[in-house]
Amino acid sequence: MKENTKKIVCTNKKAHFNYNIEEVYEAGLVLKGTEVKSLRLGRVSLGDSYAEIRGNEIYLVNCHISPYPFATHEGHDPLRPKKLLLHKKEIRRLIGKLKERGLTLVPLRVYFRNGKAKVELGLGRGKRKIDKREEIKRRDEERTILRHYKIK
């Protein structure tokens, strides 16, 4: 029996700040060989990336995987759309959900599970500027309270 090992490569730190994540999905990534090697080195950025539906397939767009520095032949395009692997039932459900106004599929993190590249997608609703300010204020208050108790 295999262990369920998970090696996190990259996390999208801004995702929870910019979106209220309602549901989380795990999807496989279709990658080229040099992309996998680059991923293993941790050379990936999820900054402006999102998932979109094309036909009956879902693609990860604007996910930057740097070219593998030790590749002998021509490498890969760093920003090419990567196909995501999900069950048909999940894809149909996501298509229905994404037609709702304001919902977006945001990649939360990229990791390897049992040697396979996976991406964790969050179905999120964008936060307004007021919500973000309130969250920053709440976080600052928690820090000051913790700091106060730490001193005593």
Protein backbone atom coordinates (compact mmCIF):
# COMPACT_ATOMS: atom_id res chain seq x y z
CA MET A 1 0.00 0.00 0.00
CA LYS A 2 1.36 3.42 -1.01
CA GLU A 3 1.75 6.22 1.44
CA ASN A 4 -0.20 9.36 0.68
CA THR A 5 2.83 11.66 0.51
CA LYS A 6 2.41 15.29 -0.45
CA LYS A 7 5.24 17.66 -1.40
CA ILE A 8 3.97 21.24 -1.73
CA VAL A 9 5.76 23.15 -4.49
CA CYS A 10 3.97 26.52 -4.54
CA THR A 11 1.08 28.25 -2.79
CA ASN A 12 -1.01 31.18 -3.94
CA LYS A 13 -0.85 33.47 -0.91
CA LYS A 14 -3.13 36.13 -2.38
CA ALA A 15 -5.97 33.72 -3.20
CA HIS A 16 -7.54 33.71 0.28
CA PHE A 17 -7.07 37.47 0.55
CA ASN A 18 -8.76 38.26 -2.79
CA TYR A 19 -11.44 35.53 -2.79
CA ASN A 20 -13.87 33.83 -0.43
CA ILE A 21 -13.16 30.18 -1.23
CA GLU A 22 -16.37 28.14 -1.16
CA GLU A 23 -15.26 24.73 -2.49
CA VAL A 24 -11.90 23.06 -3.11
CA TYR A 25 -11.08 20.58 -5.90
CA GLU A 26 -7.96 18.56 -6.65
CA ALA A 27 -6.97 18.27 -10.31
CA GLY A 28 -4.10 16.59 -12.11
CA LEU A 29 -1.84 18.59 -14.43
CA VAL A 30 -0.87 17.61 -17.97
CA LEU A 31 2.77 18.70 -18.24
CA LYS A 32 5.79 18.24 -20.50
CA GLY A 33 8.96 16.63 -19.15
CA THR A 34 10.89 19.88 -18.68
CA GLU A 35 7.89 21.42 -16.89
CA VAL A 36 7.85 18.56 -14.38
CA LYS A 37 11.57 18.97 -13.73
CA SER A 38 11.12 22.72 -13.26
CA LEU A 39 8.23 22.07 -10.87
CA ARG A 40 10.39 19.75 -8.80
CA LEU A 41 12.88 22.62 -8.45
CA GLY A 42 10.03 24.87 -7.24
CA ARG A 43 10.23 27.24 -10.21
CA VAL A 44 6.52 28.02 -10.54
CA SER A 45 4.41 31.11 -9.90
CA LEU A 46 0.64 31.19 -9.42
CA GLY A 47 0.40 35.00 -9.15
CA ASP A 48 -2.19 35.94 -11.79
CA SER A 49 -3.31 32.46 -12.75
CA TYR A 50 -6.85 31.18 -13.00
CA ALA A 51 -8.68 28.22 -14.52
CA GLU A 52 -11.02 28.56 -17.48
CA ILE A 53 -13.30 26.26 -19.41
CA ARG A 54 -12.71 25.61 -23.11
CA GLY A 55 -15.24 23.23 -24.57
CA ASN A 56 -15.60 20.42 -22.06
CA GLU A 57 -12.07 20.79 -20.69
CA ILE A 58 -10.53 22.98 -18.02
CA TYR A 59 -7.20 24.77 -18.50
CA LEU A 60 -4.90 26.56 -16.09
CA VAL A 61 -4.04 29.95 -17.60
CA ASN A 62 -1.18 32.36 -16.70
CA CYS A 63 0.59 29.83 -14.48
CA HIS A 64 4.28 30.57 -15.03
CA ILE A 65 6.59 27.53 -14.96
CA SER A 66 10.14 28.71 -15.63
CA PRO A 67 12.15 26.89 -18.32
CA TYR A 68 14.29 24.05 -17.01
CA PRO A 69 17.86 25.40 -16.91
CA PHE A 70 19.54 22.05 -17.75
CA ALA A 71 17.39 21.16 -20.79
CA THR A 72 19.49 20.25 -23.83
CA HIS A 73 16.94 20.95 -26.55
CA GLU A 74 14.38 23.70 -26.79
CA GLY A 75 12.35 23.96 -23.61
CA HIS A 76 8.69 24.75 -23.07
CA ASP A 77 6.67 27.97 -23.26
CA PRO A 78 6.50 29.20 -19.62
CA LEU A 79 2.95 30.59 -19.92
CA ARG A 80 1.29 27.95 -22.09
CA PRO A 81 -2.17 26.89 -20.87
CA LYS A 82 -1.97 23.60 -18.95
CA LYS A 83 -4.81 21.11 -19.21
CA LEU A 84 -6.34 20.03 -15.89
CA LEU A 85 -7.56 16.49 -15.28
CA LEU A 86 -10.91 16.18 -13.50
CA HIS A 87 -13.78 13.70 -13.68
CA LYS A 88 -16.53 14.55 -16.20
CA LYS A 89 -19.04 14.85 -13.39
CA GLU A 90 -16.85 17.44 -11.63
CA ILE A 91 -16.30 19.38 -14.86
CA ARG A 92 -20.05 19.53 -15.57
CA ARG A 93 -20.69 20.71 -12.01
CA LEU A 94 -18.00 23.39 -12.33
CA ILE A 95 -19.41 24.59 -15.66
CA GLY A 96 -22.77 25.14 -13.96
CA LYS A 97 -21.19 26.89 -10.98
CA LEU A 98 -18.98 29.18 -13.11
CA LYS A 99 -22.00 30.47 -15.03
CA GLU A 100 -23.08 32.11 -11.77
CA ARG A 101 -22.00 35.71 -11.53
CA GLY A 102 -18.79 36.41 -9.64
CA LEU A 103 -17.44 32.88 -9.25
CA THR A 104 -13.90 32.06 -10.37
CA LEU A 105 -11.66 29.00 -10.29
CA VAL A 106 -8.44 30.02 -8.57
CA PRO A 107 -5.40 27.75 -8.10
CA LEU A 108 -4.52 27.61 -4.41
CA ARG A 109 -1.38 25.46 -4.52
CA VAL A 110 0.65 23.12 -6.69
CA TYR A 111 2.08 19.93 -5.19
CA PHE A 112 3.19 16.39 -5.92
CA ARG A 113 1.12 13.52 -4.55
CA ASN A 114 2.72 10.11 -4.95
CA GLY A 115 4.92 11.49 -7.75
CA LYS A 116 2.05 13.04 -9.73
CA ALA A 117 1.71 16.81 -10.21
CA LYS A 118 -1.55 18.13 -8.79
CA VAL A 119 -3.15 21.54 -8.41
CA GLU A 120 -5.67 22.49 -5.73
CA LEU A 121 -8.42 24.67 -7.21
CA GLY A 122 -10.69 26.85 -5.14
CA LEU A 123 -14.11 27.95 -6.36
CA GLY A 124 -14.14 31.49 -5.05
CA ARG A 125 -16.17 34.66 -5.06
CA GLY A 126 -14.16 37.89 -5.34
CA LYS A 127 -13.98 40.08 -2.24
CA ARG A 128 -14.77 43.76 -2.32
CA LYS A 129 -12.28 46.37 -1.20
CA ILE A 130 -14.20 46.96 2.03
CA ASP A 131 -14.00 43.26 2.94
CA LYS A 132 -10.24 43.27 2.37
CA ARG A 133 -9.80 46.33 4.60
CA GLU A 134 -11.83 44.70 7.38
CA GLU A 135 -9.70 41.56 7.14
CA ILE A 136 -6.48 43.59 7.41
CA LYS A 137 -7.90 45.45 10.42
CA ARG A 138 -8.94 42.21 12.14
CA ARG A 139 -5.50 40.66 11.54
CA ASP A 140 -3.74 43.73 12.99
CA GLU A 141 -5.96 43.64 16.09
CA GLU A 142 -5.18 39.95 16.64
CA ARG A 143 -1.45 40.68 16.37
CA THR A 144 -1.60 43.50 18.92
CA ILE A 145 -3.57 41.31 21.36
CA LEU A 146 -1.07 38.47 20.99
CA ARG A 147 1.82 40.89 21.41
CA HIS A 148 0.21 42.33 24.55
CA TYR A 149 -0.19 38.89 26.16
CA LYS A 150 3.30 37.84 25.13
CA ILE A 151 4.87 40.77 27.03
CA LYS A 152 3.14 39.94 30.33
